[in-house]
Amino acid sequence: MAKVYGFYHKNKLITSWSQVPVVMDLPMVCVILDVSPEQGRRLCAKGDIKAVKVGGVWRINKCDLMDYLKVDKDSIG
């Protein structure tokens, strides 16, 4: 099973996909992917990662990010 290696979100250590919020902003996705904000924006703008802009801010659904990473969603608790 693919793991999200530890990072903090709202002062909580995230160490597994089950703890990742259903909808994420671009900075959180960039931390998960270990990419720069510019590269994250390009991935969203090109449609490589399915994302929508809400009020000028990219929002990414956890399932869409998992699809991009080819993570088995059935293995997530």
PDB file of N, CA and C in Angstrom:
ATOM      1  N   MET A   1       0.841  -1.172   0.000  1.00  0.00           N
ATOM      2  CA  MET A   1       0.000   0.000   0.000  1.00  0.00           C
ATOM      3  C   MET A   1       0.890   1.241   0.000  1.00  0.00           C
ATOM      4  N   ALA A   2       0.560   2.209  -0.835  1.00  0.00           N
ATOM      5  CA  ALA A   2       1.320   3.460  -0.866  1.00  0.00           C
ATOM      6  C   ALA A   2       1.024   4.263   0.386  1.00  0.00           C
ATOM      7  N   LYS A   3       2.047   4.845   0.960  1.00  0.00           N
ATOM      8  CA  LYS A   3       1.891   5.653   2.157  1.00  0.00           C
ATOM      9  C   LYS A   3       2.220   7.094   1.856  1.00  0.00           C
ATOM     10  N   VAL A   4       1.563   7.965   2.576  1.00  0.00           N
ATOM     11  CA  VAL A   4       1.938   9.364   2.580  1.00  0.00           C
ATOM     12  C   VAL A   4       2.908   9.482   3.730  1.00  0.00           C
ATOM     13  N   TYR A   5       4.148   9.840   3.434  1.00  0.00           N
ATOM     14  CA  TYR A   5       5.131   9.974   4.490  1.00  0.00           C
ATOM     15  C   TYR A   5       4.838  11.242   5.251  1.00  0.00           C
ATOM     16  N   GLY A   6       5.088  11.224   6.536  1.00  0.00           N
ATOM     17  CA  GLY A   6       4.640  12.251   7.453  1.00  0.00           C
ATOM     18  C   GLY A   6       4.797  13.697   7.022  1.00  0.00           C
ATOM     19  N   PHE A   7       3.739  14.447   7.184  1.00  0.00           N
ATOM     20  CA  PHE A   7       3.749  15.896   7.043  1.00  0.00           C
ATOM     21  C   PHE A   7       2.635  16.426   7.936  1.00  0.00           C
ATOM     22  N   TYR A   8       2.709  17.706   8.241  1.00  0.00           N
ATOM     23  CA  TYR A   8       1.723  18.310   9.130  1.00  0.00           C
ATOM     24  C   TYR A   8       0.657  19.045   8.343  1.00  0.00           C
ATOM     25  N   HIS A   9      -0.581  18.896   8.789  1.00  0.00           N
ATOM     26  CA  HIS A   9      -1.725  19.614   8.247  1.00  0.00           C
ATOM     27  C   HIS A   9      -2.570  20.055   9.429  1.00  0.00           C
ATOM     28  N   LYS A  10      -2.719  21.362   9.605  1.00  0.00           N
ATOM     29  CA  LYS A  10      -3.483  21.912  10.728  1.00  0.00           C
ATOM     30  C   LYS A  10      -2.986  21.351  12.059  1.00  0.00           C
ATOM     31  N   ASN A  11      -1.671  21.362  12.229  1.00  0.00           N
ATOM     32  CA  ASN A  11      -0.995  20.911  13.454  1.00  0.00           C
ATOM     33  C   ASN A  11      -1.210  19.434  13.768  1.00  0.00           C
ATOM     34  N   LYS A  12      -1.566  18.651  12.778  1.00  0.00           N
ATOM     35  CA  LYS A  12      -1.755  17.205  12.953  1.00  0.00           C
ATOM     36  C   LYS A  12      -0.809  16.483  11.993  1.00  0.00           C
ATOM     37  N   LEU A  13      -0.068  15.512  12.517  1.00  0.00           N
ATOM     38  CA  LEU A  13       0.835  14.745  11.678  1.00  0.00           C
ATOM     39  C   LEU A  13       0.038  13.760  10.830  1.00  0.00           C
ATOM     40  N   ILE A  14       0.204  13.852   9.525  1.00  0.00           N
ATOM     41  CA  ILE A  14      -0.478  12.960   8.576  1.00  0.00           C
ATOM     42  C   ILE A  14       0.523  11.894   8.155  1.00  0.00           C
ATOM     43  N   THR A  15       0.193  10.638   8.398  1.00  0.00           N
ATOM     44  CA  THR A  15       1.107   9.548   8.048  1.00  0.00           C
ATOM     45  C   THR A  15       0.461   8.474   7.178  1.00  0.00           C
ATOM     46  N   SER A  16      -0.833   8.608   6.880  1.00  0.00           N
ATOM     47  CA  SER A  16      -1.482   7.609   6.022  1.00  0.00           C
ATOM     48  C   SER A  16      -2.559   8.281   5.182  1.00  0.00           C
ATOM     49  N   TRP A  17      -2.933   7.634   4.097  1.00  0.00           N
ATOM     50  CA  TRP A  17      -3.956   8.191   3.209  1.00  0.00           C
ATOM     51  C   TRP A  17      -5.281   8.380   3.915  1.00  0.00           C
ATOM     52  N   SER A  18      -5.604   7.544   4.889  1.00  0.00           N
ATOM     53  CA  SER A  18      -6.896   7.674   5.577  1.00  0.00           C
ATOM     54  C   SER A  18      -6.982   8.979   6.356  1.00  0.00           C
ATOM     55  N   GLN A  19      -5.858   9.604   6.651  1.00  0.00           N
ATOM     56  CA  GLN A  19      -5.852  10.868   7.386  1.00  0.00           C
ATOM     57  C   GLN A  19      -5.852  12.091   6.476  1.00  0.00           C
ATOM     58  N   VAL A  20      -5.659  11.895   5.197  1.00  0.00           N
ATOM     59  CA  VAL A  20      -5.611  13.007   4.246  1.00  0.00           C
ATOM     60  C   VAL A  20      -7.033  13.511   4.023  1.00  0.00           C
ATOM     61  N   PRO A  21      -7.241  14.840   4.045  1.00  0.00           N
ATOM     62  CA  PRO A  21      -8.585  15.374   3.804  1.00  0.00           C
ATOM     63  C   PRO A  21      -9.116  14.993   2.427  1.00  0.00           C
ATOM     64  N   VAL A  22     -10.433  14.972   2.296  1.00  0.00           N
ATOM     65  CA  VAL A  22     -11.063  14.594   1.034  1.00  0.00           C
ATOM     66  C   VAL A  22     -10.730  15.607  -0.060  1.00  0.00           C
ATOM     67  N   VAL A  23     -10.692  16.881   0.274  1.00  0.00           N
ATOM     68  CA  VAL A  23     -10.353  17.925  -0.682  1.00  0.00           C
ATOM     69  C   VAL A  23      -9.130  18.667  -0.157  1.00  0.00           C
ATOM     70  N   MET A  24      -8.140  18.836  -1.024  1.00  0.00           N
ATOM     71  CA  MET A  24      -6.885  19.477  -0.630  1.00  0.00           C
ATOM     72  C   MET A  24      -6.630  20.706  -1.476  1.00  0.00           C
ATOM     73  N   ASP A  25      -5.831  21.609  -0.925  1.00  0.00           N
ATOM     74  CA  ASP A  25      -5.376  22.744  -1.714  1.00  0.00           C
ATOM     75  C   ASP A  25      -4.036  22.383  -2.358  1.00  0.00           C
ATOM     76  N   LEU A  26      -3.582  23.243  -3.249  1.00  0.00           N
ATOM     77  CA  LEU A  26      -2.363  22.951  -3.996  1.00  0.00           C
ATOM     78  C   LEU A  26      -1.119  22.817  -3.104  1.00  0.00           C
ATOM     79  N   PRO A  27      -0.928  23.686  -2.096  1.00  0.00           N
ATOM     80  CA  PRO A  27       0.267  23.509  -1.255  1.00  0.00           C
ATOM     81  C   PRO A  27       0.351  22.125  -0.597  1.00  0.00           C
ATOM     82  N   MET A  28      -0.777  21.600  -0.154  1.00  0.00           N
ATOM     83  CA  MET A  28      -0.769  20.272   0.465  1.00  0.00           C
ATOM     84  C   MET A  28      -0.408  19.199  -0.563  1.00  0.00           C
ATOM     85  N   VAL A  29      -0.966  19.307  -1.754  1.00  0.00           N
ATOM     86  CA  VAL A  29      -0.661  18.336  -2.810  1.00  0.00           C
ATOM     87  C   VAL A  29       0.823  18.406  -3.179  1.00  0.00           C
ATOM     88  N   CYS A  30       1.367  19.611  -3.215  1.00  0.00           N
ATOM     89  CA  CYS A  30       2.797  19.758  -3.535  1.00  0.00           C
ATOM     90  C   CYS A  30       3.675  19.103  -2.475  1.00  0.00           C
ATOM     91  N   VAL A  31       3.271  19.176  -1.219  1.00  0.00           N
ATOM     92  CA  VAL A  31       4.030  18.499  -0.157  1.00  0.00           C
ATOM     93  C   VAL A  31       3.959  16.988  -0.359  1.00  0.00           C
ATOM     94  N   ILE A  32       2.772  16.476  -0.644  1.00  0.00           N
ATOM     95  CA  ILE A  32       2.605  15.036  -0.852  1.00  0.00           C
ATOM     96  C   ILE A  32       3.444  14.561  -2.036  1.00  0.00           C
ATOM     97  N   LEU A  33       3.434  15.332  -3.120  1.00  0.00           N
ATOM     98  CA  LEU A  33       4.157  14.935  -4.334  1.00  0.00           C
ATOM     99  C   LEU A  33       5.633  15.309  -4.289  1.00  0.00           C
ATOM    100  N   ASP A  34       6.006  16.135  -3.339  1.00  0.00           N
ATOM    101  CA  ASP A  34       7.382  16.645  -3.237  1.00  0.00           C
ATOM    102  C   ASP A  34       7.781  17.374  -4.518  1.00  0.00           C
ATOM    103  N   VAL A  35       6.904  18.306  -4.922  1.00  0.00           N
ATOM    104  CA  VAL A  35       7.165  19.134  -6.092  1.00  0.00           C
ATOM    105  C   VAL A  35       7.031  20.600  -5.699  1.00  0.00           C
ATOM    106  N   SER A  36       7.550  21.467  -6.540  1.00  0.00           N
ATOM    107  CA  SER A  36       7.427  22.904  -6.295  1.00  0.00           C
ATOM    108  C   SER A  36       5.990  23.349  -6.559  1.00  0.00           C
ATOM    109  N   PRO A  37       5.598  24.495  -5.981  1.00  0.00           N
ATOM    110  CA  PRO A  37       4.256  25.020  -6.280  1.00  0.00           C
ATOM    111  C   PRO A  37       4.037  25.259  -7.773  1.00  0.00           C
ATOM    112  N   GLU A  38       5.058  25.730  -8.471  1.00  0.00           N
ATOM    113  CA  GLU A  38       4.922  25.960  -9.917  1.00  0.00           C
ATOM    114  C   GLU A  38       4.679  24.643 -10.658  1.00  0.00           C
ATOM    115  N   GLN A  39       5.402  23.606 -10.302  1.00  0.00           N
ATOM    116  CA  GLN A  39       5.195  22.318 -10.957  1.00  0.00           C
ATOM    117  C   GLN A  39       3.807  21.772 -10.625  1.00  0.00           C
ATOM    118  N   GLY A  40       3.363  21.951  -9.394  1.00  0.00           N
ATOM    119  CA  GLY A  40       2.018  21.529  -9.008  1.00  0.00           C
ATOM    120  C   GLY A  40       0.957  22.252  -9.816  1.00  0.00           C
ATOM    121  N   ARG A  41       1.122  23.576  -9.999  1.00  0.00           N
ATOM    122  CA  ARG A  41       0.171  24.345 -10.814  1.00  0.00           C
ATOM    123  C   ARG A  41       0.145  23.835 -12.245  1.00  0.00           C
ATOM    124  N   ARG A  42       1.311  23.525 -12.788  1.00  0.00           N
ATOM    125  CA  ARG A  42       1.356  23.004 -14.168  1.00  0.00           C
ATOM    126  C   ARG A  42       0.623  21.669 -14.277  1.00  0.00           C
ATOM    127  N   LEU A  43       0.826  20.785 -13.296  1.00  0.00           N
ATOM    128  CA  LEU A  43       0.152  19.480 -13.325  1.00  0.00           C
ATOM    129  C   LEU A  43      -1.372  19.657 -13.322  1.00  0.00           C
ATOM    130  N   CYS A  44      -1.850  20.608 -12.540  1.00  0.00           N
ATOM    131  CA  CYS A  44      -3.295  20.864 -12.483  1.00  0.00           C
ATOM    132  C   CYS A  44      -3.783  21.536 -13.767  1.00  0.00           C
ATOM    133  N   ALA A  45      -3.059  22.550 -14.228  1.00  0.00           N
ATOM    134  CA  ALA A  45      -3.478  23.300 -15.417  1.00  0.00           C
ATOM    135  C   ALA A  45      -3.495  22.424 -16.668  1.00  0.00           C
ATOM    136  N   LYS A  46      -2.533  21.502 -16.783  1.00  0.00           N
ATOM    137  CA  LYS A  46      -2.476  20.602 -17.942  1.00  0.00           C
ATOM    138  C   LYS A  46      -3.498  19.479 -17.848  1.00  0.00           C
ATOM    139  N   GLY A  47      -4.074  19.274 -16.673  1.00  0.00           N
ATOM    140  CA  GLY A  47      -5.040  18.200 -16.496  1.00  0.00           C
ATOM    141  C   GLY A  47      -4.408  16.874 -16.124  1.00  0.00           C
ATOM    142  N   ASP A  48      -3.098  16.862 -15.862  1.00  0.00           N
ATOM    143  CA  ASP A  48      -2.457  15.621 -15.419  1.00  0.00           C
ATOM    144  C   ASP A  48      -3.064  15.165 -14.096  1.00  0.00           C
ATOM    145  N   ILE A  49      -3.332  16.119 -13.225  1.00  0.00           N
ATOM    146  CA  ILE A  49      -4.068  15.867 -11.983  1.00  0.00           C
ATOM    147  C   ILE A  49      -5.411  16.566 -12.144  1.00  0.00           C
ATOM    148  N   LYS A  50      -6.489  15.829 -11.977  1.00  0.00           N
ATOM    149  CA  LYS A  50      -7.817  16.417 -12.090  1.00  0.00           C
ATOM    150  C   LYS A  50      -8.010  17.385 -10.921  1.00  0.00           C
ATOM    151  N   ALA A  51      -8.274  18.640 -11.241  1.00  0.00           N
ATOM    152  CA  ALA A  51      -8.423  19.669 -10.224  1.00  0.00           C
ATOM    153  C   ALA A  51      -9.375  20.741 -10.729  1.00  0.00           C
ATOM    154  N   VAL A  52      -9.930  21.501  -9.805  1.00  0.00           N
ATOM    155  CA  VAL A  52     -10.798  22.620 -10.154  1.00  0.00           C
ATOM    156  C   VAL A  52     -10.303  23.866  -9.431  1.00  0.00           C
ATOM    157  N   LYS A  53     -10.547  25.000 -10.036  1.00  0.00           N
ATOM    158  CA  LYS A  53     -10.216  26.267  -9.394  1.00  0.00           C
ATOM    159  C   LYS A  53     -11.471  26.802  -8.722  1.00  0.00           C
ATOM    160  N   VAL A  54     -11.345  27.109  -7.442  1.00  0.00           N
ATOM    161  CA  VAL A  54     -12.439  27.692  -6.667  1.00  0.00           C
ATOM    162  C   VAL A  54     -11.909  29.017  -6.124  1.00  0.00           C
ATOM    163  N   GLY A  55     -12.491  30.109  -6.575  1.00  0.00           N
ATOM    164  CA  GLY A  55     -12.023  31.414  -6.132  1.00  0.00           C
ATOM    165  C   GLY A  55     -10.563  31.659  -6.461  1.00  0.00           C
ATOM    166  N   GLY A  56     -10.092  31.121  -7.579  1.00  0.00           N
ATOM    167  CA  GLY A  56      -8.712  31.309  -8.003  1.00  0.00           C
ATOM    168  C   GLY A  56      -7.710  30.384  -7.337  1.00  0.00           C
ATOM    169  N   VAL A  57      -8.199  29.438  -6.529  1.00  0.00           N
ATOM    170  CA  VAL A  57      -7.322  28.506  -5.806  1.00  0.00           C
ATOM    171  C   VAL A  57      -7.598  27.090  -6.294  1.00  0.00           C
ATOM    172  N   TRP A  58      -6.535  26.363  -6.638  1.00  0.00           N
ATOM    173  CA  TRP A  58      -6.698  24.978  -7.084  1.00  0.00           C
ATOM    174  C   TRP A  58      -7.154  24.111  -5.919  1.00  0.00           C
ATOM    175  N   ARG A  59      -8.150  23.258  -6.179  1.00  0.00           N
ATOM    176  CA  ARG A  59      -8.636  22.259  -5.210  1.00  0.00           C
ATOM    177  C   ARG A  59      -8.545  20.895  -5.875  1.00  0.00           C
ATOM    178  N   ILE A  60      -8.049  19.930  -5.104  1.00  0.00           N
ATOM    179  CA  ILE A  60      -7.825  18.592  -5.636  1.00  0.00           C
ATOM    180  C   ILE A  60      -8.501  17.591  -4.719  1.00  0.00           C
ATOM    181  N   ASN A  61      -9.306  16.724  -5.294  1.00  0.00           N
ATOM    182  CA  ASN A  61      -9.967  15.665  -4.544  1.00  0.00           C
ATOM    183  C   ASN A  61      -8.957  14.559  -4.249  1.00  0.00           C
ATOM    184  N   LYS A  62      -9.035  14.005  -3.050  1.00  0.00           N
ATOM    185  CA  LYS A  62      -8.104  12.939  -2.656  1.00  0.00           C
ATOM    186  C   LYS A  62      -8.147  11.768  -3.636  1.00  0.00           C
ATOM    187  N   CYS A  63      -9.318  11.363  -4.067  1.00  0.00           N
ATOM    188  CA  CYS A  63      -9.432  10.230  -5.004  1.00  0.00           C
ATOM    189  C   CYS A  63      -8.748  10.541  -6.334  1.00  0.00           C
ATOM    190  N   ASP A  64      -8.850  11.800  -6.783  1.00  0.00           N
ATOM    191  CA  ASP A  64      -8.194  12.173  -8.038  1.00  0.00           C
ATOM    192  C   ASP A  64      -6.680  12.156  -7.892  1.00  0.00           C
ATOM    193  N   LEU A  65      -6.172  12.586  -6.738  1.00  0.00           N
ATOM    194  CA  LEU A  65      -4.727  12.522  -6.507  1.00  0.00           C
ATOM    195  C   LEU A  65      -4.271  11.068  -6.419  1.00  0.00           C
ATOM    196  N   MET A  66      -5.069  10.240  -5.772  1.00  0.00           N
ATOM    197  CA  MET A  66      -4.735   8.816  -5.672  1.00  0.00           C
ATOM    198  C   MET A  66      -4.741   8.174  -7.056  1.00  0.00           C
ATOM    199  N   ASP A  67      -5.672   8.578  -7.924  1.00  0.00           N
ATOM    200  CA  ASP A  67      -5.680   8.081  -9.306  1.00  0.00           C
ATOM    201  C   ASP A  67      -4.385   8.471 -10.018  1.00  0.00           C
ATOM    202  N   TYR A  68      -3.970   9.721  -9.842  1.00  0.00           N
ATOM    203  CA  TYR A  68      -2.732  10.195 -10.461  1.00  0.00           C
ATOM    204  C   TYR A  68      -1.542   9.367  -9.984  1.00  0.00           C
ATOM    205  N   LEU A  69      -1.521   9.040  -8.706  1.00  0.00           N
ATOM    206  CA  LEU A  69      -0.422   8.268  -8.126  1.00  0.00           C
ATOM    207  C   LEU A  69      -0.604   6.757  -8.281  1.00  0.00           C
ATOM    208  N   LYS A  70      -1.771   6.368  -8.811  1.00  0.00           N
ATOM    209  CA  LYS A  70      -2.081   4.947  -9.003  1.00  0.00           C
ATOM    210  C   LYS A  70      -2.087   4.183  -7.679  1.00  0.00           C
ATOM    211  N   VAL A  71      -2.743   4.788  -6.678  1.00  0.00           N
ATOM    212  CA  VAL A  71      -2.887   4.175  -5.358  1.00  0.00           C
ATOM    213  C   VAL A  71      -4.197   3.401  -5.355  1.00  0.00           C
ATOM    214  N   ASP A  72      -4.186   2.203  -4.799  1.00  0.00           N
ATOM    215  CA  ASP A  72      -5.375   1.365  -4.701  1.00  0.00           C
ATOM    216  C   ASP A  72      -6.271   1.926  -3.611  1.00  0.00           C
ATOM    217  N   LYS A  73      -7.406   2.533  -4.030  1.00  0.00           N
ATOM    218  CA  LYS A  73      -8.310   3.152  -3.059  1.00  0.00           C
ATOM    219  C   LYS A  73      -9.008   2.135  -2.174  1.00  0.00           C
ATOM    220  N   ASP A  74      -9.144   0.900  -2.616  1.00  0.00           N
ATOM    221  CA  ASP A  74      -9.797  -0.127  -1.815  1.00  0.00           C
ATOM    222  C   ASP A  74      -8.968  -0.503  -0.594  1.00  0.00           C
ATOM    223  N   SER A  75      -7.682  -0.194  -0.621  1.00  0.00           N
ATOM    224  CA  SER A  75      -6.821  -0.571   0.507  1.00  0.00           C
ATOM    225  C   SER A  75      -6.796   0.508   1.589  1.00  0.00           C
ATOM    226  N   ILE A  76      -7.503   1.597   1.367  1.00  0.00           N
ATOM    227  CA  ILE A  76      -7.516   2.696   2.331  1.00  0.00           C
ATOM    228  C   ILE A  76      -8.682   2.508   3.286  1.00  0.00           C
ATOM    229  N   GLY A  77      -8.385   2.644   4.578  1.00  0.00           N
ATOM    230  CA  GLY A  77      -9.410   2.468   5.611  1.00  0.00           C
ATOM    231  C   GLY A  77     -10.313   3.634   5.777  1.00  0.00           C
TER     232      GLY A  77
END
